[in-house]
């Protein structure tokens, strides 16, 4: 699970989790980092923007916009790309601390 902290979407700051793929874990705190995670996931799946978009009805320019500046994209487009990348969003309370992090020893 990858925790995404306070991503601004449509005027709201929300806490979300990206869940997908074996061994995927990415902590993201900014929209720019979200874009980097989306691009890295697409690259790891060896999908071009065109190929990923074709599977869910998105144009390559929309995927590019999500990867470069996701805060300007629609939630609908984000969900379509998440589907193409076999990812999902899980909403959690702000004070939620994943068990994995609670168990870390410092």
C-alpha atoms as a PDB file:
ATOM      1  CA  UNK A   1       0.000   0.000   0.000  1.00  0.00           C
ATOM      2  CA  UNK A   2       1.255   3.453  -0.764  1.00  0.00           C
ATOM      3  CA  UNK A   3       0.091   6.323   1.410  1.00  0.00           C
ATOM      4  CA  UNK A   4      -0.718   9.591  -0.319  1.00  0.00           C
ATOM      5  CA  UNK A   5      -1.032  12.512   2.067  1.00  0.00           C
ATOM      6  CA  UNK A   6      -3.255  15.551   1.392  1.00  0.00           C
ATOM      7  CA  UNK A   7      -3.690  15.442  -2.366  1.00  0.00           C
ATOM      8  CA  UNK A   8      -5.743  18.446  -3.510  1.00  0.00           C
ATOM      9  CA  UNK A   9      -8.643  17.314  -5.681  1.00  0.00           C
ATOM     10  CA  UNK A  10     -11.415  19.653  -6.754  1.00  0.00           C
ATOM     11  CA  UNK A  11     -10.676  22.105  -3.947  1.00  0.00           C
ATOM     12  CA  UNK A  12     -10.389  19.504  -1.175  1.00  0.00           C
ATOM     13  CA  UNK A  13      -7.342  18.058   0.550  1.00  0.00           C
ATOM     14  CA  UNK A  14      -7.928  14.359   1.096  1.00  0.00           C
ATOM     15  CA  UNK A  15      -5.843  11.512   2.431  1.00  0.00           C
ATOM     16  CA  UNK A  16      -5.783   8.508   0.158  1.00  0.00           C
ATOM     17  CA  UNK A  17      -3.998   5.210  -0.293  1.00  0.00           C
ATOM     18  CA  UNK A  18      -2.947   3.755  -3.622  1.00  0.00           C
ATOM     19  CA  UNK A  19      -3.092  -0.003  -3.571  1.00  0.00           C
ATOM     20  CA  UNK A  20      -1.897  -2.129  -6.419  1.00  0.00           C
ATOM     21  CA  UNK A  21       0.535  -4.650  -7.637  1.00  0.00           C
ATOM     22  CA  UNK A  22       2.720  -6.900  -5.596  1.00  0.00           C
ATOM     23  CA  UNK A  23       5.320  -5.128  -3.463  1.00  0.00           C
ATOM     24  CA  UNK A  24       4.179  -1.652  -4.503  1.00  0.00           C
ATOM     25  CA  UNK A  25       4.607   0.978  -1.846  1.00  0.00           C
ATOM     26  CA  UNK A  26       4.995   4.681  -2.508  1.00  0.00           C
ATOM     27  CA  UNK A  27       4.637   7.515  -0.034  1.00  0.00           C
ATOM     28  CA  UNK A  28       3.500  10.698  -1.712  1.00  0.00           C
ATOM     29  CA  UNK A  29       2.903  14.109  -0.200  1.00  0.00           C
ATOM     30  CA  UNK A  30       2.383  16.348  -3.237  1.00  0.00           C
ATOM     31  CA  UNK A  31       0.510  16.253  -6.533  1.00  0.00           C
ATOM     32  CA  UNK A  32       3.873  16.208  -8.333  1.00  0.00           C
ATOM     33  CA  UNK A  33       4.853  13.063  -6.443  1.00  0.00           C
ATOM     34  CA  UNK A  34       1.511  11.483  -7.373  1.00  0.00           C
ATOM     35  CA  UNK A  35       2.318  12.142 -11.021  1.00  0.00           C
ATOM     36  CA  UNK A  36       5.743  10.555 -10.597  1.00  0.00           C
ATOM     37  CA  UNK A  37       4.209   7.452  -9.010  1.00  0.00           C
ATOM     38  CA  UNK A  38       1.648   7.135 -11.819  1.00  0.00           C
ATOM     39  CA  UNK A  39       4.359   7.473 -14.452  1.00  0.00           C
ATOM     40  CA  UNK A  40       6.664   4.996 -12.703  1.00  0.00           C
ATOM     41  CA  UNK A  41       3.859   2.452 -12.400  1.00  0.00           C
ATOM     42  CA  UNK A  42       2.984   2.827 -16.085  1.00  0.00           C
ATOM     43  CA  UNK A  43       6.643   2.441 -17.025  1.00  0.00           C
ATOM     44  CA  UNK A  44       7.020  -0.634 -14.799  1.00  0.00           C
ATOM     45  CA  UNK A  45       4.058  -2.181 -16.601  1.00  0.00           C
ATOM     46  CA  UNK A  46       5.783  -1.313 -19.894  1.00  0.00           C
ATOM     47  CA  UNK A  47       2.780   0.671 -21.092  1.00  0.00           C
ATOM     48  CA  UNK A  48       3.027   3.694 -23.339  1.00  0.00           C
ATOM     49  CA  UNK A  49       0.625   6.552 -22.641  1.00  0.00           C
ATOM     50  CA  UNK A  50      -1.226   5.582 -25.807  1.00  0.00           C
ATOM     51  CA  UNK A  51      -1.554   1.920 -24.826  1.00  0.00           C
ATOM     52  CA  UNK A  52      -2.615   2.682 -21.238  1.00  0.00           C
ATOM     53  CA  UNK A  53      -5.132   5.235 -22.459  1.00  0.00           C
ATOM     54  CA  UNK A  54      -6.597   2.943 -25.071  1.00  0.00           C
ATOM     55  CA  UNK A  55      -7.600   0.411 -22.402  1.00  0.00           C
ATOM     56  CA  UNK A  56      -9.718   2.948 -20.487  1.00  0.00           C
ATOM     57  CA  UNK A  57     -10.658   5.581 -23.052  1.00  0.00           C
ATOM     58  CA  UNK A  58      -8.107   8.278 -22.217  1.00  0.00           C
ATOM     59  CA  UNK A  59      -6.026  10.240 -24.697  1.00  0.00           C
ATOM     60  CA  UNK A  60      -2.241  10.202 -24.277  1.00  0.00           C
ATOM     61  CA  UNK A  61      -2.341  13.953 -23.551  1.00  0.00           C
ATOM     62  CA  UNK A  62      -4.685  13.289 -20.601  1.00  0.00           C
ATOM     63  CA  UNK A  63      -2.298  10.707 -19.180  1.00  0.00           C
ATOM     64  CA  UNK A  64       0.571  13.116 -19.703  1.00  0.00           C
ATOM     65  CA  UNK A  65      -1.340  15.804 -17.792  1.00  0.00           C
ATOM     66  CA  UNK A  66      -2.008  13.383 -14.920  1.00  0.00           C
ATOM     67  CA  UNK A  67       1.676  12.511 -14.757  1.00  0.00           C
ATOM     68  CA  UNK A  68       2.908  16.111 -14.985  1.00  0.00           C
ATOM     69  CA  UNK A  69       0.247  18.061 -13.088  1.00  0.00           C
ATOM     70  CA  UNK A  70      -2.439  15.810 -11.562  1.00  0.00           C
ATOM     71  CA  UNK A  71      -4.058  18.623  -9.569  1.00  0.00           C
ATOM     72  CA  UNK A  72      -5.406  20.063 -12.836  1.00  0.00           C
ATOM     73  CA  UNK A  73      -6.985  16.786 -13.928  1.00  0.00           C
ATOM     74  CA  UNK A  74     -10.447  15.435 -13.254  1.00  0.00           C
ATOM     75  CA  UNK A  75     -11.125  12.757 -10.686  1.00  0.00           C
ATOM     76  CA  UNK A  76     -12.775  10.744 -13.446  1.00  0.00           C
ATOM     77  CA  UNK A  77      -9.560  10.737 -15.485  1.00  0.00           C
ATOM     78  CA  UNK A  78      -7.536   9.811 -12.400  1.00  0.00           C
ATOM     79  CA  UNK A  79      -9.799   6.826 -11.720  1.00  0.00           C
ATOM     80  CA  UNK A  80      -9.564   5.691 -15.335  1.00  0.00           C
ATOM     81  CA  UNK A  81      -5.767   5.810 -15.226  1.00  0.00           C
ATOM     82  CA  UNK A  82      -5.722   4.022 -11.873  1.00  0.00           C
ATOM     83  CA  UNK A  83      -7.809   1.286 -13.485  1.00  0.00           C
ATOM     84  CA  UNK A  84      -5.415   0.998 -16.424  1.00  0.00           C
ATOM     85  CA  UNK A  85      -2.517   0.714 -13.969  1.00  0.00           C
ATOM     86  CA  UNK A  86      -4.311  -1.824 -11.747  1.00  0.00           C
ATOM     87  CA  UNK A  87      -4.395   0.576  -8.795  1.00  0.00           C
ATOM     88  CA  UNK A  88      -7.183   1.706  -6.486  1.00  0.00           C
ATOM     89  CA  UNK A  89      -7.770   4.457  -3.925  1.00  0.00           C
ATOM     90  CA  UNK A  90      -8.599   3.679  -0.308  1.00  0.00           C
ATOM     91  CA  UNK A  91      -9.720   6.585   1.906  1.00  0.00           C
ATOM     92  CA  UNK A  92      -8.534   6.558   5.512  1.00  0.00           C
ATOM     93  CA  UNK A  93      -8.910   8.893   8.506  1.00  0.00           C
ATOM     94  CA  UNK A  94      -6.079  11.409   8.802  1.00  0.00           C
ATOM     95  CA  UNK A  95      -4.844   9.902  12.048  1.00  0.00           C
ATOM     96  CA  UNK A  96      -4.671   6.398  10.553  1.00  0.00           C
ATOM     97  CA  UNK A  97      -1.217   4.860  10.811  1.00  0.00           C
ATOM     98  CA  UNK A  98      -0.671   1.685   8.786  1.00  0.00           C
ATOM     99  CA  UNK A  99       0.362  -1.389  10.760  1.00  0.00           C
ATOM    100  CA  UNK A 100       3.457  -1.624   8.582  1.00  0.00           C
ATOM    101  CA  UNK A 101       4.623   1.801   9.797  1.00  0.00           C
ATOM    102  CA  UNK A 102       3.632   1.145  13.429  1.00  0.00           C
ATOM    103  CA  UNK A 103       5.927  -1.900  13.432  1.00  0.00           C
ATOM    104  CA  UNK A 104       8.982  -0.044  12.126  1.00  0.00           C
ATOM    105  CA  UNK A 105      11.896   0.035  14.523  1.00  0.00           C
ATOM    106  CA  UNK A 106      14.039   3.127  14.629  1.00  0.00           C
END
